[in-house]
Amino acid sequence: MIKNFLLAKFSRNKKLYQHLYNIFGFYPDRISLYKIAITHNSYKHLTAKEPQKGNNERLEFLGDAVLGMVVAEKLYLKFPYQNEGFLTEMRSKIVGRNKLNMIGKKMGIHQLLKYDPKLKSNPVFLDAITGNAFESLIGAIYLDKGFVFTRKFIIEKIIEQHIDFSELLIQELSYKAKLVKWAQKEKKKVDFVLKNVEVENKRKIYEICITLDGEEIIFGRNHSKKIAEEVASEKFCLQMDI
């Protein structure tokens, strides 16, 4: 603890140490993990003082798994008489992209991110990478501090401070379902069309277009077709105030 405090005061990473402490309430042991966790794959800034050592995609994968496990355990204990379908839906509401983006922004994670400055004017992009970095930082905490510490952190600093279960119980889960229901009511024909598949860093990115009565309306992109459909549906619902 004393060593980390001194590093936070005198190391060349002192600003990052302090920012992380202000957000999370502890000093990291392995600051290199957190530097990777806040680095988006669009960030290409290379200098002798700050060499780039990868982006946060692998940590995001790990953090997603750890967060999902802790949330699943919390729900299992909190709702002892509910079935698997209920627990799955509640978990999806908590770890869904929109919720993680919101929590990450409330915690101030967006202020730490390293990304291509050309993308700064895109609010949708900034929201998305904030949620991704949130998961990446969970992965970093897990590797840095271990599971017991991370579990306690997720419960006390995330679930107890940012999750309102009574609100989640009445919240509609899927924007896609909401859109389809609206289209049926309005007698509109809605389709989700795969427009393009790109490969970025050896991972496929799917671009989905929502069409309404055959007219292209809005697009969504993600590494998952299902999430890309949800992203496009969310944009549409927010735009149309559905």
C-alpha atoms as a PDB file:
ATOM      1  CA  MET A   1       0.000   0.000   0.000  1.00  0.00           C
ATOM      2  CA  ILE A   2       2.791   2.452   0.924  1.00  0.00           C
ATOM      3  CA  LYS A   3       4.693   1.536  -2.252  1.00  0.00           C
ATOM      4  CA  ASN A   4       1.642   2.199  -4.420  1.00  0.00           C
ATOM      5  CA  PHE A   5       1.001   5.488  -2.639  1.00  0.00           C
ATOM      6  CA  LEU A   6       4.568   6.601  -3.337  1.00  0.00           C
ATOM      7  CA  LEU A   7       4.269   5.550  -6.980  1.00  0.00           C
ATOM      8  CA  ALA A   8       1.081   7.563  -7.220  1.00  0.00           C
ATOM      9  CA  LYS A   9       2.950  10.615  -5.977  1.00  0.00           C
ATOM     10  CA  PHE A  10       6.312  10.342  -7.729  1.00  0.00           C
ATOM     11  CA  SER A  11       6.225   7.979 -10.735  1.00  0.00           C
ATOM     12  CA  ARG A  12       5.816   9.165 -14.318  1.00  0.00           C
ATOM     13  CA  ASN A  13       2.362   7.526 -14.232  1.00  0.00           C
ATOM     14  CA  LYS A  14       1.302   9.506 -11.160  1.00  0.00           C
ATOM     15  CA  LYS A  15      -1.642  11.159 -12.931  1.00  0.00           C
ATOM     16  CA  LEU A  16      -3.061   7.788 -13.977  1.00  0.00           C
ATOM     17  CA  TYR A  17      -2.496   6.340 -10.497  1.00  0.00           C
ATOM     18  CA  GLN A  18      -4.420   9.231  -8.973  1.00  0.00           C
ATOM     19  CA  HIS A  19      -7.239   9.098 -11.528  1.00  0.00           C
ATOM     20  CA  LEU A  20      -7.684   5.375 -10.923  1.00  0.00           C
ATOM     21  CA  TYR A  21      -7.686   5.894  -7.167  1.00  0.00           C
ATOM     22  CA  ASN A  22     -10.298   8.641  -7.472  1.00  0.00           C
ATOM     23  CA  ILE A  23     -12.553   6.403  -9.578  1.00  0.00           C
ATOM     24  CA  PHE A  24     -12.036   3.013  -7.927  1.00  0.00           C
ATOM     25  CA  GLY A  25     -10.826   3.788  -4.415  1.00  0.00           C
ATOM     26  CA  PHE A  26      -7.559   1.849  -4.578  1.00  0.00           C
ATOM     27  CA  TYR A  27      -4.086   2.092  -6.110  1.00  0.00           C
ATOM     28  CA  PRO A  28      -3.106  -0.511  -8.734  1.00  0.00           C
ATOM     29  CA  ASP A  29      -0.216  -2.907  -8.219  1.00  0.00           C
ATOM     30  CA  ARG A  30       0.412  -3.454 -11.946  1.00  0.00           C
ATOM     31  CA  ILE A  31      -0.232  -0.140 -13.638  1.00  0.00           C
ATOM     32  CA  SER A  32       0.653  -1.600 -17.052  1.00  0.00           C
ATOM     33  CA  LEU A  33      -2.605  -3.590 -17.068  1.00  0.00           C
ATOM     34  CA  TYR A  34      -4.674  -0.467 -16.562  1.00  0.00           C
ATOM     35  CA  LYS A  35      -2.791   1.413 -19.270  1.00  0.00           C
ATOM     36  CA  ILE A  36      -3.764  -1.319 -21.716  1.00  0.00           C
ATOM     37  CA  ALA A  37      -7.343  -1.362 -20.379  1.00  0.00           C
ATOM     38  CA  ILE A  38      -7.908   2.290 -21.322  1.00  0.00           C
ATOM     39  CA  THR A  39      -6.350   2.001 -24.788  1.00  0.00           C
ATOM     40  CA  HIS A  40      -8.785   1.595 -27.686  1.00  0.00           C
ATOM     41  CA  ASN A  41      -7.579  -0.080 -30.876  1.00  0.00           C
ATOM     42  CA  SER A  42      -7.930   3.219 -32.766  1.00  0.00           C
ATOM     43  CA  TYR A  43      -5.109   4.729 -30.705  1.00  0.00           C
ATOM     44  CA  LYS A  44      -1.921   4.748 -32.793  1.00  0.00           C
ATOM     45  CA  HIS A  45       0.185   7.256 -30.883  1.00  0.00           C
ATOM     46  CA  LEU A  46       3.749   5.930 -30.762  1.00  0.00           C
ATOM     47  CA  THR A  47       6.556   7.733 -29.029  1.00  0.00           C
ATOM     48  CA  ALA A  48       9.795   6.705 -27.353  1.00  0.00           C
ATOM     49  CA  LYS A  49       8.335   7.698 -24.000  1.00  0.00           C
ATOM     50  CA  GLU A  50       4.991   6.010 -24.535  1.00  0.00           C
ATOM     51  CA  PRO A  51       5.272   2.874 -26.688  1.00  0.00           C
ATOM     52  CA  GLN A  52       1.971   1.228 -27.509  1.00  0.00           C
ATOM     53  CA  LYS A  53       1.722  -2.278 -26.055  1.00  0.00           C
ATOM     54  CA  GLY A  54      -1.628  -3.361 -27.459  1.00  0.00           C
ATOM     55  CA  ASN A  55      -5.261  -2.431 -26.962  1.00  0.00           C
ATOM     56  CA  ASN A  56      -7.948  -3.423 -24.522  1.00  0.00           C
ATOM     57  CA  GLU A  57      -9.859  -6.035 -26.551  1.00  0.00           C
ATOM     58  CA  ARG A  58      -8.421  -9.080 -24.733  1.00  0.00           C
ATOM     59  CA  LEU A  59      -8.983  -7.499 -21.320  1.00  0.00           C
ATOM     60  CA  GLU A  60     -12.533  -6.625 -22.386  1.00  0.00           C
ATOM     61  CA  PHE A  61     -13.148 -10.315 -23.139  1.00  0.00           C
ATOM     62  CA  LEU A  62     -11.848 -11.297 -19.703  1.00  0.00           C
ATOM     63  CA  GLY A  63     -13.674  -8.537 -17.841  1.00  0.00           C
ATOM     64  CA  ASP A  64     -16.960  -9.432 -19.529  1.00  0.00           C
ATOM     65  CA  ALA A  65     -16.659 -13.005 -18.210  1.00  0.00           C
ATOM     66  CA  VAL A  66     -15.732 -11.941 -14.660  1.00  0.00           C
ATOM     67  CA  LEU A  67     -18.482  -9.315 -14.474  1.00  0.00           C
ATOM     68  CA  GLY A  68     -21.069 -11.744 -15.852  1.00  0.00           C
ATOM     69  CA  MET A  69     -20.119 -14.404 -13.293  1.00  0.00           C
ATOM     70  CA  VAL A  70     -20.340 -12.057 -10.290  1.00  0.00           C
ATOM     71  CA  VAL A  71     -23.644 -10.583 -11.486  1.00  0.00           C
ATOM     72  CA  ALA A  72     -25.031 -14.098 -12.050  1.00  0.00           C
ATOM     73  CA  GLU A  73     -24.093 -15.105  -8.492  1.00  0.00           C
ATOM     74  CA  LYS A  74     -25.645 -11.938  -7.064  1.00  0.00           C
ATOM     75  CA  LEU A  75     -28.913 -12.553  -8.934  1.00  0.00           C
ATOM     76  CA  TYR A  76     -28.969 -16.232  -7.965  1.00  0.00           C
ATOM     77  CA  LEU A  77     -28.786 -15.289  -4.283  1.00  0.00           C
ATOM     78  CA  LYS A  78     -31.076 -12.259  -4.472  1.00  0.00           C
ATOM     79  CA  PHE A  79     -33.902 -14.042  -6.334  1.00  0.00           C
ATOM     80  CA  PRO A  80     -33.926 -17.611  -4.900  1.00  0.00           C
ATOM     81  CA  TYR A  81     -37.342 -18.551  -6.328  1.00  0.00           C
ATOM     82  CA  GLN A  82     -36.986 -17.200  -9.870  1.00  0.00           C
ATOM     83  CA  ASN A  83     -36.323 -19.441 -12.874  1.00  0.00           C
ATOM     84  CA  GLU A  84     -33.403 -19.446 -15.299  1.00  0.00           C
ATOM     85  CA  GLY A  85     -35.184 -17.288 -17.866  1.00  0.00           C
ATOM     86  CA  PHE A  86     -35.812 -14.513 -15.346  1.00  0.00           C
ATOM     87  CA  LEU A  87     -32.200 -14.607 -14.083  1.00  0.00           C
ATOM     88  CA  THR A  88     -30.827 -14.544 -17.642  1.00  0.00           C
ATOM     89  CA  GLU A  89     -32.953 -11.539 -18.574  1.00  0.00           C
ATOM     90  CA  MET A  90     -31.990  -9.637 -15.432  1.00  0.00           C
ATOM     91  CA  ARG A  91     -28.300 -10.324 -16.033  1.00  0.00           C
ATOM     92  CA  SER A  92     -28.645  -9.070 -19.616  1.00  0.00           C
ATOM     93  CA  LYS A  93     -30.181  -5.841 -18.339  1.00  0.00           C
ATOM     94  CA  ILE A  94     -27.247  -5.286 -15.975  1.00  0.00           C
ATOM     95  CA  VAL A  95     -24.366  -6.216 -18.304  1.00  0.00           C
ATOM     96  CA  GLY A  96     -26.000  -4.954 -21.505  1.00  0.00           C
ATOM     97  CA  ARG A  97     -24.026  -2.515 -23.608  1.00  0.00           C
ATOM     98  CA  ASN A  98     -26.232   0.504 -22.891  1.00  0.00           C
ATOM     99  CA  LYS A  99     -26.079  -0.046 -19.120  1.00  0.00           C
ATOM    100  CA  LEU A 100     -22.297  -0.508 -19.094  1.00  0.00           C
ATOM    101  CA  ASN A 101     -21.822   2.613 -21.207  1.00  0.00           C
ATOM    102  CA  MET A 102     -23.904   4.586 -18.704  1.00  0.00           C
ATOM    103  CA  ILE A 103     -22.112   3.197 -15.628  1.00  0.00           C
ATOM    104  CA  GLY A 104     -18.684   3.766 -17.198  1.00  0.00           C
ATOM    105  CA  LYS A 105     -19.562   7.365 -17.957  1.00  0.00           C
ATOM    106  CA  LYS A 106     -20.952   7.997 -14.448  1.00  0.00           C
ATOM    107  CA  MET A 107     -17.730   6.632 -12.969  1.00  0.00           C
ATOM    108  CA  GLY A 108     -15.655   8.941 -15.184  1.00  0.00           C
ATOM    109  CA  ILE A 109     -13.907   6.211 -17.182  1.00  0.00           C
ATOM    110  CA  HIS A 110     -14.380   8.159 -20.421  1.00  0.00           C
ATOM    111  CA  GLN A 111     -11.934  10.767 -19.093  1.00  0.00           C
ATOM    112  CA  LEU A 112      -9.094   8.212 -19.062  1.00  0.00           C
ATOM    113  CA  LEU A 113      -9.486   6.751 -22.545  1.00  0.00           C
ATOM    114  CA  LYS A 114      -6.837   6.776 -25.256  1.00  0.00           C
ATOM    115  CA  TYR A 115      -8.270   6.697 -28.782  1.00  0.00           C
ATOM    116  CA  ASP A 116      -7.938   8.355 -32.160  1.00  0.00           C
ATOM    117  CA  PRO A 117      -8.695  12.068 -31.504  1.00  0.00           C
ATOM    118  CA  LYS A 118     -10.395  12.262 -34.903  1.00  0.00           C
ATOM    119  CA  LEU A 119     -13.274  10.261 -33.377  1.00  0.00           C
ATOM    120  CA  LYS A 120     -13.818  12.645 -30.474  1.00  0.00           C
ATOM    121  CA  SER A 121     -16.826  14.310 -32.099  1.00  0.00           C
ATOM    122  CA  ASN A 122     -18.750  11.018 -32.367  1.00  0.00           C
ATOM    123  CA  PRO A 123     -20.828  10.635 -29.154  1.00  0.00           C
ATOM    124  CA  VAL A 124     -22.052   7.128 -30.060  1.00  0.00           C
ATOM    125  CA  PHE A 125     -18.453   5.963 -30.480  1.00  0.00           C
ATOM    126  CA  LEU A 126     -17.386   7.536 -27.176  1.00  0.00           C
ATOM    127  CA  ASP A 127     -20.262   5.924 -25.291  1.00  0.00           C
ATOM    128  CA  ALA A 128     -19.442   2.522 -26.780  1.00  0.00           C
ATOM    129  CA  ILE A 129     -15.719   2.592 -26.020  1.00  0.00           C
ATOM    130  CA  THR A 130     -16.470   3.762 -22.480  1.00  0.00           C
ATOM    131  CA  GLY A 131     -18.533   0.625 -21.864  1.00  0.00           C
ATOM    132  CA  ASN A 132     -15.841  -1.526 -23.467  1.00  0.00           C
ATOM    133  CA  ALA A 133     -13.133   0.069 -21.316  1.00  0.00           C
ATOM    134  CA  PHE A 134     -15.288  -0.484 -18.244  1.00  0.00           C
ATOM    135  CA  GLU A 135     -15.177  -4.241 -18.926  1.00  0.00           C
ATOM    136  CA  SER A 136     -11.465  -4.053 -19.746  1.00  0.00           C
ATOM    137  CA  LEU A 137     -10.762  -2.407 -16.411  1.00  0.00           C
ATOM    138  CA  ILE A 138     -12.661  -5.197 -14.643  1.00  0.00           C
ATOM    139  CA  GLY A 139     -10.312  -7.602 -16.425  1.00  0.00           C
ATOM    140  CA  ALA A 140      -7.315  -5.560 -15.314  1.00  0.00           C
ATOM    141  CA  ILE A 141      -8.495  -5.509 -11.686  1.00  0.00           C
ATOM    142  CA  TYR A 142      -8.991  -9.293 -11.800  1.00  0.00           C
ATOM    143  CA  LEU A 143      -5.445  -9.920 -13.081  1.00  0.00           C
ATOM    144  CA  ASP A 144      -3.994  -7.328 -10.711  1.00  0.00           C
ATOM    145  CA  LYS A 145      -5.849  -8.067  -7.483  1.00  0.00           C
ATOM    146  CA  GLY A 146      -7.395 -11.520  -7.874  1.00  0.00           C
ATOM    147  CA  PHE A 147     -10.979 -12.787  -7.913  1.00  0.00           C
ATOM    148  CA  VAL A 148     -11.910 -12.206  -4.257  1.00  0.00           C
ATOM    149  CA  PHE A 149     -10.936  -8.515  -4.436  1.00  0.00           C
ATOM    150  CA  THR A 150     -12.636  -8.080  -7.824  1.00  0.00           C
ATOM    151  CA  ARG A 151     -15.850  -9.753  -6.684  1.00  0.00           C
ATOM    152  CA  LYS A 152     -16.017  -7.457  -3.646  1.00  0.00           C
ATOM    153  CA  PHE A 153     -15.296  -4.423  -5.837  1.00  0.00           C
ATOM    154  CA  ILE A 154     -18.041  -5.313  -8.358  1.00  0.00           C
ATOM    155  CA  ILE A 155     -20.624  -5.861  -5.625  1.00  0.00           C
ATOM    156  CA  GLU A 156     -19.796  -2.800  -3.516  1.00  0.00           C
ATOM    157  CA  LYS A 157     -18.730  -0.253  -6.139  1.00  0.00           C
ATOM    158  CA  ILE A 158     -20.866  -1.260  -9.120  1.00  0.00           C
ATOM    159  CA  ILE A 159     -23.923  -3.300  -8.203  1.00  0.00           C
ATOM    160  CA  GLU A 160     -24.748  -1.583  -4.907  1.00  0.00           C
ATOM    161  CA  GLN A 161     -24.022   1.936  -6.204  1.00  0.00           C
ATOM    162  CA  HIS A 162     -25.290   1.794  -9.786  1.00  0.00           C
ATOM    163  CA  ILE A 163     -27.926  -0.941 -10.060  1.00  0.00           C
ATOM    164  CA  ASP A 164     -31.554  -0.356  -9.056  1.00  0.00           C
ATOM    165  CA  PHE A 165     -33.213  -3.789  -9.104  1.00  0.00           C
ATOM    166  CA  SER A 166     -36.738  -2.420  -8.726  1.00  0.00           C
ATOM    167  CA  GLU A 167     -36.167  -0.313 -11.840  1.00  0.00           C
ATOM    168  CA  LEU A 168     -34.721  -3.248 -13.761  1.00  0.00           C
ATOM    169  CA  LEU A 169     -37.777  -5.362 -12.989  1.00  0.00           C
ATOM    170  CA  ILE A 170     -40.000  -3.042 -15.045  1.00  0.00           C
ATOM    171  CA  GLN A 171     -37.438  -2.152 -17.722  1.00  0.00           C
ATOM    172  CA  GLU A 172     -37.978  -3.529 -21.219  1.00  0.00           C
ATOM    173  CA  LEU A 173     -34.930  -5.567 -22.177  1.00  0.00           C
ATOM    174  CA  SER A 174     -34.668  -5.576 -25.952  1.00  0.00           C
ATOM    175  CA  TYR A 175     -34.771  -2.509 -28.171  1.00  0.00           C
ATOM    176  CA  LYS A 176     -35.225  -4.865 -31.118  1.00  0.00           C
ATOM    177  CA  ALA A 177     -38.355  -6.345 -29.531  1.00  0.00           C
ATOM    178  CA  LYS A 178     -39.568  -2.834 -28.790  1.00  0.00           C
ATOM    179  CA  LEU A 179     -39.014  -1.789 -32.413  1.00  0.00           C
ATOM    180  CA  VAL A 180     -40.775  -4.871 -33.827  1.00  0.00           C
ATOM    181  CA  LYS A 181     -43.738  -4.282 -31.507  1.00  0.00           C
ATOM    182  CA  TRP A 182     -43.918  -0.629 -32.643  1.00  0.00           C
ATOM    183  CA  ALA A 183     -43.742  -1.647 -36.327  1.00  0.00           C
ATOM    184  CA  GLN A 184     -46.590  -4.122 -35.887  1.00  0.00           C
ATOM    185  CA  LYS A 185     -48.711  -1.472 -34.213  1.00  0.00           C
ATOM    186  CA  GLU A 186     -47.945   1.062 -36.970  1.00  0.00           C
ATOM    187  CA  LYS A 187     -48.429  -1.593 -39.693  1.00  0.00           C
ATOM    188  CA  LYS A 188     -44.860  -1.116 -40.927  1.00  0.00           C
ATOM    189  CA  LYS A 189     -42.636  -3.849 -42.358  1.00  0.00           C
ATOM    190  CA  VAL A 190     -39.315  -3.893 -40.522  1.00  0.00           C
ATOM    191  CA  ASP A 191     -36.288  -5.957 -41.570  1.00  0.00           C
ATOM    192  CA  PHE A 192     -32.718  -6.354 -40.305  1.00  0.00           C
ATOM    193  CA  VAL A 193     -30.394  -6.602 -43.288  1.00  0.00           C
ATOM    194  CA  LEU A 194     -26.723  -7.595 -43.189  1.00  0.00           C
ATOM    195  CA  LYS A 195     -25.056  -4.893 -45.309  1.00  0.00           C
ATOM    196  CA  ASN A 196     -21.375  -5.528 -44.809  1.00  0.00           C
ATOM    197  CA  VAL A 197     -18.798  -7.682 -43.030  1.00  0.00           C
ATOM    198  CA  GLU A 198     -15.338  -6.256 -42.348  1.00  0.00           C
ATOM    199  CA  VAL A 199     -12.311  -7.757 -40.653  1.00  0.00           C
ATOM    200  CA  GLU A 200     -10.600  -5.587 -38.060  1.00  0.00           C
ATOM    201  CA  ASN A 201      -7.717  -6.954 -35.993  1.00  0.00           C
ATOM    202  CA  LYS A 202      -8.638 -10.480 -37.173  1.00  0.00           C
ATOM    203  CA  ARG A 203     -12.209 -10.098 -35.885  1.00  0.00           C
ATOM    204  CA  LYS A 204     -15.304  -9.763 -38.039  1.00  0.00           C
ATOM    205  CA  ILE A 205     -17.413  -6.627 -37.706  1.00  0.00           C
ATOM    206  CA  TYR A 206     -21.003  -6.894 -38.899  1.00  0.00           C
ATOM    207  CA  GLU A 207     -22.955  -3.922 -40.205  1.00  0.00           C
ATOM    208  CA  ILE A 208     -26.718  -4.291 -39.894  1.00  0.00           C
ATOM    209  CA  CYS A 209     -29.223  -1.972 -41.561  1.00  0.00           C
ATOM    210  CA  ILE A 210     -32.795  -1.534 -40.354  1.00  0.00           C
ATOM    211  CA  THR A 211     -35.223  -1.109 -43.236  1.00  0.00           C
ATOM    212  CA  LEU A 212     -38.742   0.186 -42.822  1.00  0.00           C
ATOM    213  CA  ASP A 213     -41.105  -0.672 -45.668  1.00  0.00           C
ATOM    214  CA  GLY A 214     -38.006  -1.355 -47.768  1.00  0.00           C
ATOM    215  CA  GLU A 215     -36.326   1.974 -47.002  1.00  0.00           C
ATOM    216  CA  GLU A 216     -32.917   1.979 -45.296  1.00  0.00           C
ATOM    217  CA  ILE A 217     -33.242   3.868 -42.020  1.00  0.00           C
ATOM    218  CA  ILE A 218     -30.321   3.341 -39.649  1.00  0.00           C
ATOM    219  CA  PHE A 219     -27.209   1.201 -39.153  1.00  0.00           C
ATOM    220  CA  GLY A 220     -25.531  -0.662 -36.319  1.00  0.00           C
ATOM    221  CA  ARG A 221     -22.076  -2.249 -36.127  1.00  0.00           C
ATOM    222  CA  ASN A 222     -20.610  -4.827 -33.779  1.00  0.00           C
ATOM    223  CA  HIS A 223     -18.519  -7.993 -33.610  1.00  0.00           C
ATOM    224  CA  SER A 224     -21.811  -9.835 -32.976  1.00  0.00           C
ATOM    225  CA  LYS A 225     -24.705  -9.793 -35.470  1.00  0.00           C
ATOM    226  CA  LYS A 226     -27.204  -9.931 -32.612  1.00  0.00           C
ATOM    227  CA  ILE A 227     -25.646  -6.971 -30.809  1.00  0.00           C
ATOM    228  CA  ALA A 228     -25.360  -5.028 -34.095  1.00  0.00           C
ATOM    229  CA  GLU A 229     -29.120  -5.464 -34.542  1.00  0.00           C
ATOM    230  CA  GLU A 230     -29.672  -4.289 -30.965  1.00  0.00           C
ATOM    231  CA  VAL A 231     -27.377  -1.264 -31.476  1.00  0.00           C
ATOM    232  CA  ALA A 232     -29.293  -0.233 -34.614  1.00  0.00           C
ATOM    233  CA  SER A 233     -32.635  -0.810 -32.848  1.00  0.00           C
ATOM    234  CA  GLU A 234     -31.559   1.314 -29.897  1.00  0.00           C
ATOM    235  CA  LYS A 235     -30.561   4.172 -32.216  1.00  0.00           C
ATOM    236  CA  PHE A 236     -33.927   3.943 -33.984  1.00  0.00           C
ATOM    237  CA  CYS A 237     -35.967   3.851 -30.771  1.00  0.00           C
ATOM    238  CA  LEU A 238     -34.112   6.826 -29.317  1.00  0.00           C
ATOM    239  CA  GLN A 239     -34.363   8.779 -32.574  1.00  0.00           C
ATOM    240  CA  MET A 240     -38.108   8.111 -32.885  1.00  0.00           C
ATOM    241  CA  ASP A 241     -38.736   8.456 -29.128  1.00  0.00           C
ATOM    242  CA  ILE A 242     -40.427   5.061 -28.993  1.00  0.00           C
END
